[in-house]
Structure formats: C-alpha cells, structure tokens
Amino acid sequence: MSKIGIRIKLNISKIEKARLFKGSKGLYLDMTSFIDLDEKGQYGDNGFCTQDVSKEEREQGVKGPILGNVEVFYKSDQSQQQQQAPQQQAAPQGQPQAQGFDDFSDDIGF
C-alpha cells in the first residue's frame, strides 16, 4: 500500500466564513486539495487547497478561493520507502511559532 504525507499551509483570512458550518463536534470547513506528486511549483509546493463550493455553484463555474499550498514531505510504496525529514520553518520575528485557533478568532470574526 502506498502512502504520502502532506503539509498544508493555509491563509485563514481567505476563508469565506459564510461557507463554514456547524457540526456535532465543532465548526467545519470543506476543502479540496490538488496534488502533483511528480513536480514541485516555484515555491517548493506540490499543489494547493481550495474552499469547496456547492454542486450547483460548480456547475455555474464558481470556484472556491485558493486557501493555501500543499507540500508532499513523505512518500512510500510496497517496493521502496523514502522519508524526507520535515523542514522546520522559523516563525516571523515577534510572533510565536504555534498558535491555537482561538488565538486567531478575533482576526477572522469568530
């Protein structure tokens, strides 16, 4: 069985809040990712993520906003296993490396 590991970097300010929906365990966002395992883009990414739109909107040509990039950092298959170490990215000066969703909720109106 083949497996891949992906790292996703989202710009949450591009999320269309009207498309978020409440579920039994929280607030949800439907996304779709397009991944090219054979080539990397100019920024080292393998694809991108978009926010989903309804079937009717898709049929009318409406596209969801591009929310961010996808990087494949791990690939395996039955005949060979390859693992690349995830690259640590430095946080911009003056900002902590990791923040929870609640830390950004005021910025996006939640």
PDB file of N, CA and C in Angstrom:
ATOM      1  N   MET A   1       0.841  -1.178   0.000  1.00  0.00           N
ATOM      2  CA  MET A   1       0.000   0.000   0.000  1.00  0.00           C
ATOM      3  C   MET A   1       0.886   1.242   0.000  1.00  0.00           C
ATOM      4  N   SER A   2       0.574   2.201  -0.844  1.00  0.00           N
ATOM      5  CA  SER A   2       1.313   3.457  -0.913  1.00  0.00           C
ATOM      6  C   SER A   2       0.712   4.480   0.042  1.00  0.00           C
ATOM      7  N   LYS A   3       1.574   5.294   0.595  1.00  0.00           N
ATOM      8  CA  LYS A   3       1.134   6.374   1.473  1.00  0.00           C
ATOM      9  C   LYS A   3       1.924   7.622   1.134  1.00  0.00           C
ATOM     10  N   ILE A   4       1.303   8.775   1.371  1.00  0.00           N
ATOM     11  CA  ILE A   4       2.019  10.036   1.265  1.00  0.00           C
ATOM     12  C   ILE A   4       1.718  10.853   2.512  1.00  0.00           C
ATOM     13  N   GLY A   5       2.662  11.683   2.905  1.00  0.00           N
ATOM     14  CA  GLY A   5       2.451  12.647   3.980  1.00  0.00           C
ATOM     15  C   GLY A   5       2.443  14.024   3.354  1.00  0.00           C
ATOM     16  N   ILE A   6       1.475  14.834   3.740  1.00  0.00           N
ATOM     17  CA  ILE A   6       1.405  16.187   3.191  1.00  0.00           C
ATOM     18  C   ILE A   6       1.396  17.215   4.312  1.00  0.00           C
ATOM     19  N   ARG A   7       1.955  18.357   4.021  1.00  0.00           N
ATOM     20  CA  ARG A   7       1.949  19.503   4.928  1.00  0.00           C
ATOM     21  C   ARG A   7       1.125  20.579   4.232  1.00  0.00           C
ATOM     22  N   ILE A   8       0.193  21.158   4.952  1.00  0.00           N
ATOM     23  CA  ILE A   8      -0.716  22.161   4.379  1.00  0.00           C
ATOM     24  C   ILE A   8      -0.502  23.490   5.094  1.00  0.00           C
ATOM     25  N   LYS A   9      -0.340  24.526   4.320  1.00  0.00           N
ATOM     26  CA  LYS A   9      -0.206  25.874   4.874  1.00  0.00           C
ATOM     27  C   LYS A   9      -1.368  26.700   4.342  1.00  0.00           C
ATOM     28  N   LEU A  10      -2.280  27.116   5.243  1.00  0.00           N
ATOM     29  CA  LEU A  10      -3.485  27.852   4.860  1.00  0.00           C
ATOM     30  C   LEU A  10      -3.403  29.312   5.271  1.00  0.00           C
ATOM     31  N   ASN A  11      -3.945  30.163   4.436  1.00  0.00           N
ATOM     32  CA  ASN A  11      -4.152  31.566   4.774  1.00  0.00           C
ATOM     33  C   ASN A  11      -5.601  31.671   5.239  1.00  0.00           C
ATOM     34  N   ILE A  12      -5.805  31.599   6.542  1.00  0.00           N
ATOM     35  CA  ILE A  12      -7.176  31.533   7.055  1.00  0.00           C
ATOM     36  C   ILE A  12      -7.969  32.823   6.819  1.00  0.00           C
ATOM     37  N   SER A  13      -7.304  33.918   6.505  1.00  0.00           N
ATOM     38  CA  SER A  13      -8.038  35.148   6.215  1.00  0.00           C
ATOM     39  C   SER A  13      -8.797  35.045   4.892  1.00  0.00           C
ATOM     40  N   LYS A  14      -8.464  34.061   4.044  1.00  0.00           N
ATOM     41  CA  LYS A  14      -9.153  33.886   2.765  1.00  0.00           C
ATOM     42  C   LYS A  14     -10.376  32.978   2.874  1.00  0.00           C
ATOM     43  N   ILE A  15     -10.605  32.384   4.046  1.00  0.00           N
ATOM     44  CA  ILE A  15     -11.765  31.510   4.223  1.00  0.00           C
ATOM     45  C   ILE A  15     -13.042  32.338   4.129  1.00  0.00           C
ATOM     46  N   GLU A  16     -13.966  31.885   3.288  1.00  0.00           N
ATOM     47  CA  GLU A  16     -15.275  32.533   3.206  1.00  0.00           C
ATOM     48  C   GLU A  16     -16.120  32.000   4.363  1.00  0.00           C
ATOM     49  N   LYS A  17     -16.285  32.828   5.388  1.00  0.00           N
ATOM     50  CA  LYS A  17     -16.932  32.393   6.626  1.00  0.00           C
ATOM     51  C   LYS A  17     -18.373  31.923   6.418  1.00  0.00           C
ATOM     52  N   ALA A  18     -19.054  32.440   5.413  1.00  0.00           N
ATOM     53  CA  ALA A  18     -20.437  32.043   5.161  1.00  0.00           C
ATOM     54  C   ALA A  18     -20.540  30.573   4.776  1.00  0.00           C
ATOM     55  N   ARG A  19     -19.435  29.972   4.336  1.00  0.00           N
ATOM     56  CA  ARG A  19     -19.439  28.563   3.919  1.00  0.00           C
ATOM     57  C   ARG A  19     -19.087  27.618   5.069  1.00  0.00           C
ATOM     58  N   LEU A  20     -18.709  28.138   6.214  1.00  0.00           N
ATOM     59  CA  LEU A  20     -18.434  27.289   7.375  1.00  0.00           C
ATOM     60  C   LEU A  20     -19.759  26.750   7.900  1.00  0.00           C
ATOM     61  N   PHE A  21     -19.720  25.572   8.482  1.00  0.00           N
ATOM     62  CA  PHE A  21     -20.956  25.002   9.005  1.00  0.00           C
ATOM     63  C   PHE A  21     -20.701  24.320  10.338  1.00  0.00           C
ATOM     64  N   LYS A  22     -21.721  24.335  11.167  1.00  0.00           N
ATOM     65  CA  LYS A  22     -21.633  23.706  12.486  1.00  0.00           C
ATOM     66  C   LYS A  22     -21.980  22.238  12.374  1.00  0.00           C
ATOM     67  N   GLY A  23     -21.169  21.428  13.034  1.00  0.00           N
ATOM     68  CA  GLY A  23     -21.433  20.006  13.154  1.00  0.00           C
ATOM     69  C   GLY A  23     -21.582  19.660  14.613  1.00  0.00           C
ATOM     70  N   SER A  24     -21.771  18.399  14.904  1.00  0.00           N
ATOM     71  CA  SER A  24     -21.994  17.983  16.285  1.00  0.00           C
ATOM     72  C   SER A  24     -20.762  18.167  17.164  1.00  0.00           C
ATOM     73  N   LYS A  25     -19.575  18.267  16.549  1.00  0.00           N
ATOM     74  CA  LYS A  25     -18.346  18.385  17.336  1.00  0.00           C
ATOM     75  C   LYS A  25     -17.569  19.668  17.071  1.00  0.00           C
ATOM     76  N   GLY A  26     -18.169  20.619  16.379  1.00  0.00           N
ATOM     77  CA  GLY A  26     -17.456  21.871  16.154  1.00  0.00           C
ATOM     78  C   GLY A  26     -17.852  22.562  14.870  1.00  0.00           C
ATOM     79  N   LEU A  27     -17.004  23.501  14.458  1.00  0.00           N
ATOM     80  CA  LEU A  27     -17.209  24.300  13.258  1.00  0.00           C
ATOM     81  C   LEU A  27     -16.357  23.704  12.146  1.00  0.00           C
ATOM     82  N   TYR A  28     -16.943  23.481  10.965  1.00  0.00           N
ATOM     83  CA  TYR A  28     -16.275  22.749   9.891  1.00  0.00           C
ATOM     84  C   TYR A  28     -16.108  23.588   8.635  1.00  0.00           C
ATOM     85  N   LEU A  29     -15.102  23.193   7.859  1.00  0.00           N
ATOM     86  CA  LEU A  29     -14.781  23.808   6.580  1.00  0.00           C
ATOM     87  C   LEU A  29     -14.498  22.680   5.595  1.00  0.00           C
ATOM     88  N   ASP A  30     -15.185  22.654   4.466  1.00  0.00           N
ATOM     89  CA  ASP A  30     -14.895  21.672   3.430  1.00  0.00           C
ATOM     90  C   ASP A  30     -13.870  22.257   2.468  1.00  0.00           C
ATOM     91  N   MET A  31     -12.830  21.464   2.179  1.00  0.00           N
ATOM     92  CA  MET A  31     -11.760  21.896   1.277  1.00  0.00           C
ATOM     93  C   MET A  31     -11.466  20.767   0.298  1.00  0.00           C
ATOM     94  N   THR A  32     -10.829  21.138  -0.797  1.00  0.00           N
ATOM     95  CA  THR A  32     -10.328  20.184  -1.774  1.00  0.00           C
ATOM     96  C   THR A  32      -8.878  20.531  -2.039  1.00  0.00           C
ATOM     97  N   SER A  33      -8.050  19.507  -2.194  1.00  0.00           N
ATOM     98  CA  SER A  33      -6.638  19.728  -2.483  1.00  0.00           C
ATOM     99  C   SER A  33      -6.280  19.049  -3.798  1.00  0.00           C
ATOM    100  N   PHE A  34      -5.486  19.719  -4.602  1.00  0.00           N
ATOM    101  CA  PHE A  34      -4.970  19.178  -5.850  1.00  0.00           C
ATOM    102  C   PHE A  34      -3.475  19.004  -5.676  1.00  0.00           C
ATOM    103  N   ILE A  35      -2.981  17.764  -5.837  1.00  0.00           N
ATOM    104  CA  ILE A  35      -1.587  17.450  -5.545  1.00  0.00           C
ATOM    105  C   ILE A  35      -0.930  16.820  -6.763  1.00  0.00           C
ATOM    106  N   ASP A  36       0.247  17.334  -7.131  1.00  0.00           N
ATOM    107  CA  ASP A  36       1.062  16.766  -8.204  1.00  0.00           C
ATOM    108  C   ASP A  36       2.269  16.108  -7.551  1.00  0.00           C
ATOM    109  N   LEU A  37       2.310  14.781  -7.551  1.00  0.00           N
ATOM    110  CA  LEU A  37       3.400  14.062  -6.901  1.00  0.00           C
ATOM    111  C   LEU A  37       4.692  14.108  -7.701  1.00  0.00           C
ATOM    112  N   ASP A  38       4.619  14.460  -8.979  1.00  0.00           N
ATOM    113  CA  ASP A  38       5.794  14.416  -9.844  1.00  0.00           C
ATOM    114  C   ASP A  38       6.551  15.735  -9.957  1.00  0.00           C
ATOM    115  N   GLU A  39       5.889  16.853  -9.711  1.00  0.00           N
ATOM    116  CA  GLU A  39       6.546  18.147  -9.885  1.00  0.00           C
ATOM    117  C   GLU A  39       6.259  19.069  -8.711  1.00  0.00           C
ATOM    118  N   LYS A  40       7.228  19.930  -8.446  1.00  0.00           N
ATOM    119  CA  LYS A  40       7.058  20.979  -7.437  1.00  0.00           C
ATOM    120  C   LYS A  40       6.892  22.321  -8.135  1.00  0.00           C
ATOM    121  N   GLY A  41       6.127  23.209  -7.525  1.00  0.00           N
ATOM    122  CA  GLY A  41       5.950  24.552  -8.045  1.00  0.00           C
ATOM    123  C   GLY A  41       7.145  25.419  -7.707  1.00  0.00           C
ATOM    124  N   GLN A  42       7.084  26.669  -8.092  1.00  0.00           N
ATOM    125  CA  GLN A  42       8.214  27.576  -7.894  1.00  0.00           C
ATOM    126  C   GLN A  42       8.539  27.826  -6.428  1.00  0.00           C
ATOM    127  N   TYR A  43       7.615  27.554  -5.519  1.00  0.00           N
ATOM    128  CA  TYR A  43       7.858  27.759  -4.088  1.00  0.00           C
ATOM    129  C   TYR A  43       8.081  26.443  -3.346  1.00  0.00           C
ATOM    130  N   GLY A  44       8.297  25.355  -4.066  1.00  0.00           N
ATOM    131  CA  GLY A  44       8.542  24.063  -3.447  1.00  0.00           C
ATOM    132  C   GLY A  44       7.290  23.308  -3.067  1.00  0.00           C
ATOM    133  N   ASP A  45       6.129  23.792  -3.495  1.00  0.00           N
ATOM    134  CA  ASP A  45       4.874  23.131  -3.160  1.00  0.00           C
ATOM    135  C   ASP A  45       4.524  22.092  -4.222  1.00  0.00           C
ATOM    136  N   ASN A  46       3.640  21.173  -3.864  1.00  0.00           N
ATOM    137  CA  ASN A  46       3.166  20.139  -4.784  1.00  0.00           C
ATOM    138  C   ASN A  46       1.714  20.356  -5.196  1.00  0.00           C
ATOM    139  N   GLY A  47       1.104  21.423  -4.735  1.00  0.00           N
ATOM    140  CA  GLY A  47      -0.287  21.672  -5.079  1.00  0.00           C
ATOM    141  C   GLY A  47      -0.886  22.750  -4.205  1.00  0.00           C
ATOM    142  N   PHE A  48      -2.211  22.785  -4.185  1.00  0.00           N
ATOM    143  CA  PHE A  48      -2.907  23.828  -3.445  1.00  0.00           C
ATOM    144  C   PHE A  48      -4.225  23.313  -2.888  1.00  0.00           C
ATOM    145  N   CYS A  49      -4.816  24.090  -1.978  1.00  0.00           N
ATOM    146  CA  CYS A  49      -6.111  23.775  -1.369  1.00  0.00           C
ATOM    147  C   CYS A  49      -7.100  24.869  -1.722  1.00  0.00           C
ATOM    148  N   THR A  50      -8.318  24.464  -2.022  1.00  0.00           N
ATOM    149  CA  THR A  50      -9.380  25.427  -2.274  1.00  0.00           C
ATOM    150  C   THR A  50     -10.534  25.154  -1.324  1.00  0.00           C
ATOM    151  N   GLN A  51     -11.296  26.198  -1.041  1.00  0.00           N
ATOM    152  CA  GLN A  51     -12.505  26.022  -0.250  1.00  0.00           C
ATOM    153  C   GLN A  51     -13.590  25.509  -1.186  1.00  0.00           C
ATOM    154  N   ASP A  52     -14.332  24.509  -0.742  1.00  0.00           N
ATOM    155  CA  ASP A  52     -15.376  23.918  -1.575  1.00  0.00           C
ATOM    156  C   ASP A  52     -16.546  24.868  -1.775  1.00  0.00           C
ATOM    157  N   VAL A  53     -17.203  24.708  -2.922  1.00  0.00           N
ATOM    158  CA  VAL A  53     -18.459  25.395  -3.214  1.00  0.00           C
ATOM    159  C   VAL A  53     -19.504  24.311  -3.471  1.00  0.00           C
ATOM    160  N   SER A  54     -20.766  24.695  -3.517  1.00  0.00           N
ATOM    161  CA  SER A  54     -21.833  23.713  -3.725  1.00  0.00           C
ATOM    162  C   SER A  54     -21.782  23.154  -5.149  1.00  0.00           C
ATOM    163  N   LYS A  55     -22.448  22.030  -5.354  1.00  0.00           N
ATOM    164  CA  LYS A  55     -22.506  21.395  -6.676  1.00  0.00           C
ATOM    165  C   LYS A  55     -23.117  22.359  -7.695  1.00  0.00           C
ATOM    166  N   GLU A  56     -24.178  23.049  -7.293  1.00  0.00           N
ATOM    167  CA  GLU A  56     -24.840  23.992  -8.191  1.00  0.00           C
ATOM    168  C   GLU A  56     -23.895  25.117  -8.594  1.00  0.00           C
ATOM    169  N   GLU A  57     -23.124  25.621  -7.628  1.00  0.00           N
ATOM    170  CA  GLU A  57     -22.166  26.686  -7.938  1.00  0.00           C
ATOM    171  C   GLU A  57     -21.071  26.186  -8.875  1.00  0.00           C
ATOM    172  N   ARG A  58     -20.576  24.964  -8.624  1.00  0.00           N
ATOM    173  CA  ARG A  58     -19.553  24.385  -9.516  1.00  0.00           C
ATOM    174  C   ARG A  58     -20.075  24.289 -10.941  1.00  0.00           C
ATOM    175  N   GLU A  59     -21.323  23.863 -11.083  1.00  0.00           N
ATOM    176  CA  GLU A  59     -21.925  23.734 -12.413  1.00  0.00           C
ATOM    177  C   GLU A  59     -22.050  25.082 -13.110  1.00  0.00           C
ATOM    178  N   GLN A  60     -22.131  26.165 -12.336  1.00  0.00           N
ATOM    179  CA  GLN A  60     -22.208  27.516 -12.893  1.00  0.00           C
ATOM    180  C   GLN A  60     -20.821  28.137 -13.091  1.00  0.00           C
ATOM    181  N   GLY A  61     -19.770  27.384 -12.766  1.00  0.00           N
ATOM    182  CA  GLY A  61     -18.412  27.867 -12.969  1.00  0.00           C
ATOM    183  C   GLY A  61     -17.813  28.619 -11.788  1.00  0.00           C
ATOM    184  N   VAL A  62     -18.519  28.639 -10.651  1.00  0.00           N
ATOM    185  CA  VAL A  62     -17.993  29.306  -9.459  1.00  0.00           C
ATOM    186  C   VAL A  62     -16.868  28.459  -8.875  1.00  0.00           C
ATOM    187  N   LYS A  63     -15.773  29.103  -8.521  1.00  0.00           N
ATOM    188  CA  LYS A  63     -14.651  28.405  -7.897  1.00  0.00           C
ATOM    189  C   LYS A  63     -14.434  28.959  -6.497  1.00  0.00           C
ATOM    190  N   GLY A  64     -14.108  28.076  -5.577  1.00  0.00           N
ATOM    191  CA  GLY A  64     -13.792  28.497  -4.217  1.00  0.00           C
ATOM    192  C   GLY A  64     -12.427  29.165  -4.190  1.00  0.00           C
ATOM    193  N   PRO A  65     -12.177  29.987  -3.184  1.00  0.00           N
ATOM    194  CA  PRO A  65     -10.882  30.665  -3.100  1.00  0.00           C
ATOM    195  C   PRO A  65      -9.749  29.670  -2.826  1.00  0.00           C
ATOM    196  N   ILE A  66      -8.578  29.971  -3.356  1.00  0.00           N
ATOM    197  CA  ILE A  66      -7.385  29.186  -3.027  1.00  0.00           C
ATOM    198  C   ILE A  66      -6.952  29.622  -1.638  1.00  0.00           C
ATOM    199  N   LEU A  67      -6.893  28.666  -0.713  1.00  0.00           N
ATOM    200  CA  LEU A  67      -6.589  28.958   0.684  1.00  0.00           C
ATOM    201  C   LEU A  67      -5.120  28.760   1.038  1.00  0.00           C
ATOM    202  N   GLY A  68      -4.413  27.969   0.248  1.00  0.00           N
ATOM    203  CA  GLY A  68      -3.018  27.743   0.594  1.00  0.00           C
ATOM    204  C   GLY A  68      -2.372  26.680  -0.264  1.00  0.00           C
ATOM    205  N   ASN A  69      -1.172  26.285   0.161  1.00  0.00           N
ATOM    206  CA  ASN A  69      -0.351  25.338  -0.584  1.00  0.00           C
ATOM    207  C   ASN A  69      -0.212  24.015   0.144  1.00  0.00           C
ATOM    208  N   VAL A  70       0.154  22.989  -0.616  1.00  0.00           N
ATOM    209  CA  VAL A  70       0.373  21.645  -0.101  1.00  0.00           C
ATOM    210  C   VAL A  70       1.771  21.211  -0.492  1.00  0.00           C
ATOM    211  N   GLU A  71       2.490  20.632   0.462  1.00  0.00           N
ATOM    212  CA  GLU A  71       3.824  20.094   0.198  1.00  0.00           C
ATOM    213  C   GLU A  71       3.837  18.623   0.591  1.00  0.00           C
ATOM    214  N   VAL A  72       4.291  17.763  -0.312  1.00  0.00           N
ATOM    215  CA  VAL A  72       4.446  16.352  -0.002  1.00  0.00           C
ATOM    216  C   VAL A  72       5.807  16.187   0.660  1.00  0.00           C
ATOM    217  N   PHE A  73       5.818  15.679   1.909  1.00  0.00           N
ATOM    218  CA  PHE A  73       7.081  15.505   2.610  1.00  0.00           C
ATOM    219  C   PHE A  73       7.421  14.035   2.848  1.00  0.00           C
ATOM    220  N   TYR A  74       6.492  13.121   2.517  1.00  0.00           N
ATOM    221  CA  TYR A  74       6.733  11.697   2.729  1.00  0.00           C
ATOM    222  C   TYR A  74       6.035  10.906   1.626  1.00  0.00           C
ATOM    223  N   LYS A  75       6.737   9.956   1.051  1.00  0.00           N
ATOM    224  CA  LYS A  75       6.157   9.035   0.070  1.00  0.00           C
ATOM    225  C   LYS A  75       6.627   7.630   0.395  1.00  0.00           C
ATOM    226  N   SER A  76       5.751   6.667   0.281  1.00  0.00           N
ATOM    227  CA  SER A  76       6.154   5.271   0.438  1.00  0.00           C
ATOM    228  C   SER A  76       5.365   4.422  -0.536  1.00  0.00           C
ATOM    229  N   ASP A  77       5.900   3.265  -0.861  1.00  0.00           N
ATOM    230  CA  ASP A  77       5.166   2.266  -1.624  1.00  0.00           C
ATOM    231  C   ASP A  77       5.663   0.895  -1.192  1.00  0.00           C
ATOM    232  N   GLN A  78       5.109  -0.154  -1.737  1.00  0.00           N
ATOM    233  CA  GLN A  78       5.447  -1.501  -1.294  1.00  0.00           C
ATOM    234  C   GLN A  78       6.897  -1.864  -1.580  1.00  0.00           C
ATOM    235  N   SER A  79       7.455  -1.394  -2.682  1.00  0.00           N
ATOM    236  CA  SER A  79       8.801  -1.804  -3.056  1.00  0.00           C
ATOM    237  C   SER A  79       9.894  -0.945  -2.433  1.00  0.00           C
ATOM    238  N   GLN A  80       9.561   0.259  -2.025  1.00  0.00           N
ATOM    239  CA  GLN A  80      10.591   1.163  -1.518  1.00  0.00           C
ATOM    240  C   GLN A  80       9.955   2.176  -0.571  1.00  0.00           C
ATOM    241  N   GLN A  81      10.653   2.501   0.501  1.00  0.00           N
ATOM    242  CA  GLN A  81      10.173   3.536   1.409  1.00  0.00           C
ATOM    243  C   GLN A  81      11.179   4.657   1.435  1.00  0.00           C
ATOM    244  N   GLN A  82      10.680   5.875   1.267  1.00  0.00           N
ATOM    245  CA  GLN A  82      11.523   7.056   1.337  1.00  0.00           C
ATOM    246  C   GLN A  82      10.854   8.035   2.291  1.00  0.00           C
ATOM    247  N   GLN A  83      11.639   8.596   3.158  1.00  0.00           N
ATOM    248  CA  GLN A  83      11.097   9.589   4.075  1.00  0.00           C
ATOM    249  C   GLN A  83      12.020  10.789   4.088  1.00  0.00           C
ATOM    250  N   GLN A  84      11.428  11.938   3.881  1.00  0.00           N
ATOM    251  CA  GLN A  84      12.173  13.180   3.955  1.00  0.00           C
ATOM    252  C   GLN A  84      11.831  13.842   5.277  1.00  0.00           C
ATOM    253  N   ALA A  85      12.836  14.335   5.970  1.00  0.00           N
ATOM    254  CA  ALA A  85      12.591  14.993   7.253  1.00  0.00           C
ATOM    255  C   ALA A  85      11.825  16.281   7.010  1.00  0.00           C
ATOM    256  N   PRO A  86      10.748  16.518   7.781  1.00  0.00           N
ATOM    257  CA  PRO A  86      10.028  17.781   7.646  1.00  0.00           C
ATOM    258  C   PRO A  86      10.946  18.948   7.976  1.00  0.00           C
ATOM    259  N   GLN A  87      10.850  19.992   7.186  1.00  0.00           N
ATOM    260  CA  GLN A  87      11.680  21.169   7.411  1.00  0.00           C
ATOM    261  C   GLN A  87      11.010  22.055   8.443  1.00  0.00           C
ATOM    262  N   GLN A  88      11.766  22.469   9.433  1.00  0.00           N
ATOM    263  CA  GLN A  88      11.255  23.401  10.429  1.00  0.00           C
ATOM    264  C   GLN A  88      11.286  24.799   9.836  1.00  0.00           C
ATOM    265  N   GLN A  89      10.190  25.486   9.907  1.00  0.00           N
ATOM    266  CA  GLN A  89      10.128  26.835   9.393  1.00  0.00           C
ATOM    267  C   GLN A  89      10.146  27.802  10.563  1.00  0.00           C
ATOM    268  N   ALA A  90      10.986  28.794  10.471  1.00  0.00           N
ATOM    269  CA  ALA A  90      11.088  29.779  11.541  1.00  0.00           C
ATOM    270  C   ALA A  90       9.868  30.681  11.516  1.00  0.00           C
ATOM    271  N   ALA A  91       9.370  31.017  12.691  1.00  0.00           N
ATOM    272  CA  ALA A  91       8.255  31.946  12.795  1.00  0.00           C
ATOM    273  C   ALA A  91       8.774  33.354  12.551  1.00  0.00           C
ATOM    274  N   PRO A  92       7.956  34.211  11.936  1.00  0.00           N
ATOM    275  CA  PRO A  92       8.376  35.599  11.761  1.00  0.00           C
ATOM    276  C   PRO A  92       8.697  36.224  13.115  1.00  0.00           C
ATOM    277  N   GLN A  93       9.637  37.163  13.132  1.00  0.00           N
ATOM    278  CA  GLN A  93      10.032  37.787  14.394  1.00  0.00           C
ATOM    279  C   GLN A  93       8.837  38.419  15.070  1.00  0.00           C
ATOM    280  N   GLY A  94       8.785  38.254  16.375  1.00  0.00           N
ATOM    281  CA  GLY A  94       7.718  38.870  17.156  1.00  0.00           C
ATOM    282  C   GLY A  94       6.452  38.042  17.212  1.00  0.00           C
ATOM    283  N   GLN A  95       6.398  36.891  16.522  1.00  0.00           N
ATOM    284  CA  GLN A  95       5.222  36.044  16.553  1.00  0.00           C
ATOM    285  C   GLN A  95       5.607  34.671  17.078  1.00  0.00           C
ATOM    286  N   PRO A  96       4.768  34.075  17.932  1.00  0.00           N
ATOM    287  CA  PRO A  96       5.070  32.727  18.405  1.00  0.00           C
ATOM    288  C   PRO A  96       4.971  31.723  17.265  1.00  0.00           C
ATOM    289  N   GLN A  97       5.683  30.609  17.378  1.00  0.00           N
ATOM    290  CA  GLN A  97       5.705  29.587  16.322  1.00  0.00           C
ATOM    291  C   GLN A  97       4.346  28.927  16.141  1.00  0.00           C
ATOM    292  N   ALA A  98       3.661  28.590  17.226  1.00  0.00           N
ATOM    293  CA  ALA A  98       2.388  27.890  17.114  1.00  0.00           C
ATOM    294  C   ALA A  98       1.327  28.640  17.900  1.00  0.00           C
ATOM    295  N   GLN A  99       0.148  28.771  17.281  1.00  0.00           N
ATOM    296  CA  GLN A  99      -0.969  29.392  17.952  1.00  0.00           C
ATOM    297  C   GLN A  99      -2.196  28.539  17.705  1.00  0.00           C
ATOM    298  N   GLY A 100      -3.104  28.530  18.675  1.00  0.00           N
ATOM    299  CA  GLY A 100      -4.338  27.783  18.514  1.00  0.00           C
ATOM    300  C   GLY A 100      -5.351  28.582  17.717  1.00  0.00           C
ATOM    301  N   PHE A 101      -6.430  27.919  17.296  1.00  0.00           N
ATOM    302  CA  PHE A 101      -7.477  28.574  16.520  1.00  0.00           C
ATOM    303  C   PHE A 101      -8.057  29.755  17.280  1.00  0.00           C
ATOM    304  N   ASP A 102      -8.237  29.600  18.584  1.00  0.00           N
ATOM    305  CA  ASP A 102      -8.833  30.675  19.370  1.00  0.00           C
ATOM    306  C   ASP A 102      -7.995  31.943  19.342  1.00  0.00           C
ATOM    307  N   ASP A 103      -6.666  31.809  19.160  1.00  0.00           N
ATOM    308  CA  ASP A 103      -5.808  32.979  19.098  1.00  0.00           C
ATOM    309  C   ASP A 103      -6.095  33.837  17.881  1.00  0.00           C
ATOM    310  N   PHE A 104      -6.664  33.255  16.828  1.00  0.00           N
ATOM    311  CA  PHE A 104      -6.940  33.980  15.604  1.00  0.00           C
ATOM    312  C   PHE A 104      -8.415  34.340  15.452  1.00  0.00           C
ATOM    313  N   SER A 105      -9.262  33.857  16.350  1.00  0.00           N
ATOM    314  CA  SER A 105     -10.696  34.005  16.158  1.00  0.00           C
ATOM    315  C   SER A 105     -11.125  35.455  16.038  1.00  0.00           C
ATOM    316  N   ASP A 106     -10.489  36.378  16.737  1.00  0.00           N
ATOM    317  CA  ASP A 106     -10.852  37.779  16.609  1.00  0.00           C
ATOM    318  C   ASP A 106     -10.482  38.325  15.246  1.00  0.00           C
ATOM    319  N   ASP A 107      -9.388  37.837  14.660  1.00  0.00           N
ATOM    320  CA  ASP A 107      -8.941  38.310  13.356  1.00  0.00           C
ATOM    321  C   ASP A 107      -9.892  37.932  12.238  1.00  0.00           C
ATOM    322  N   ILE A 108     -10.603  36.806  12.380  1.00  0.00           N
ATOM    323  CA  ILE A 108     -11.483  36.361  11.300  1.00  0.00           C
ATOM    324  C   ILE A 108     -12.957  36.438  11.682  1.00  0.00           C
ATOM    325  N   GLY A 109     -13.274  37.031  12.805  1.00  0.00           N
ATOM    326  CA  GLY A 109     -14.656  37.292  13.164  1.00  0.00           C
ATOM    327  C   GLY A 109     -15.395  36.157  13.833  1.00  0.00           C
ATOM    328  N   PHE A 110     -14.705  35.283  14.551  1.00  0.00           N
ATOM    329  CA  PHE A 110     -15.374  34.198  15.254  1.00  0.00           C
ATOM    330  C   PHE A 110     -15.467  34.506  16.724  1.00  0.00           C
TER     331      PHE A 110
END
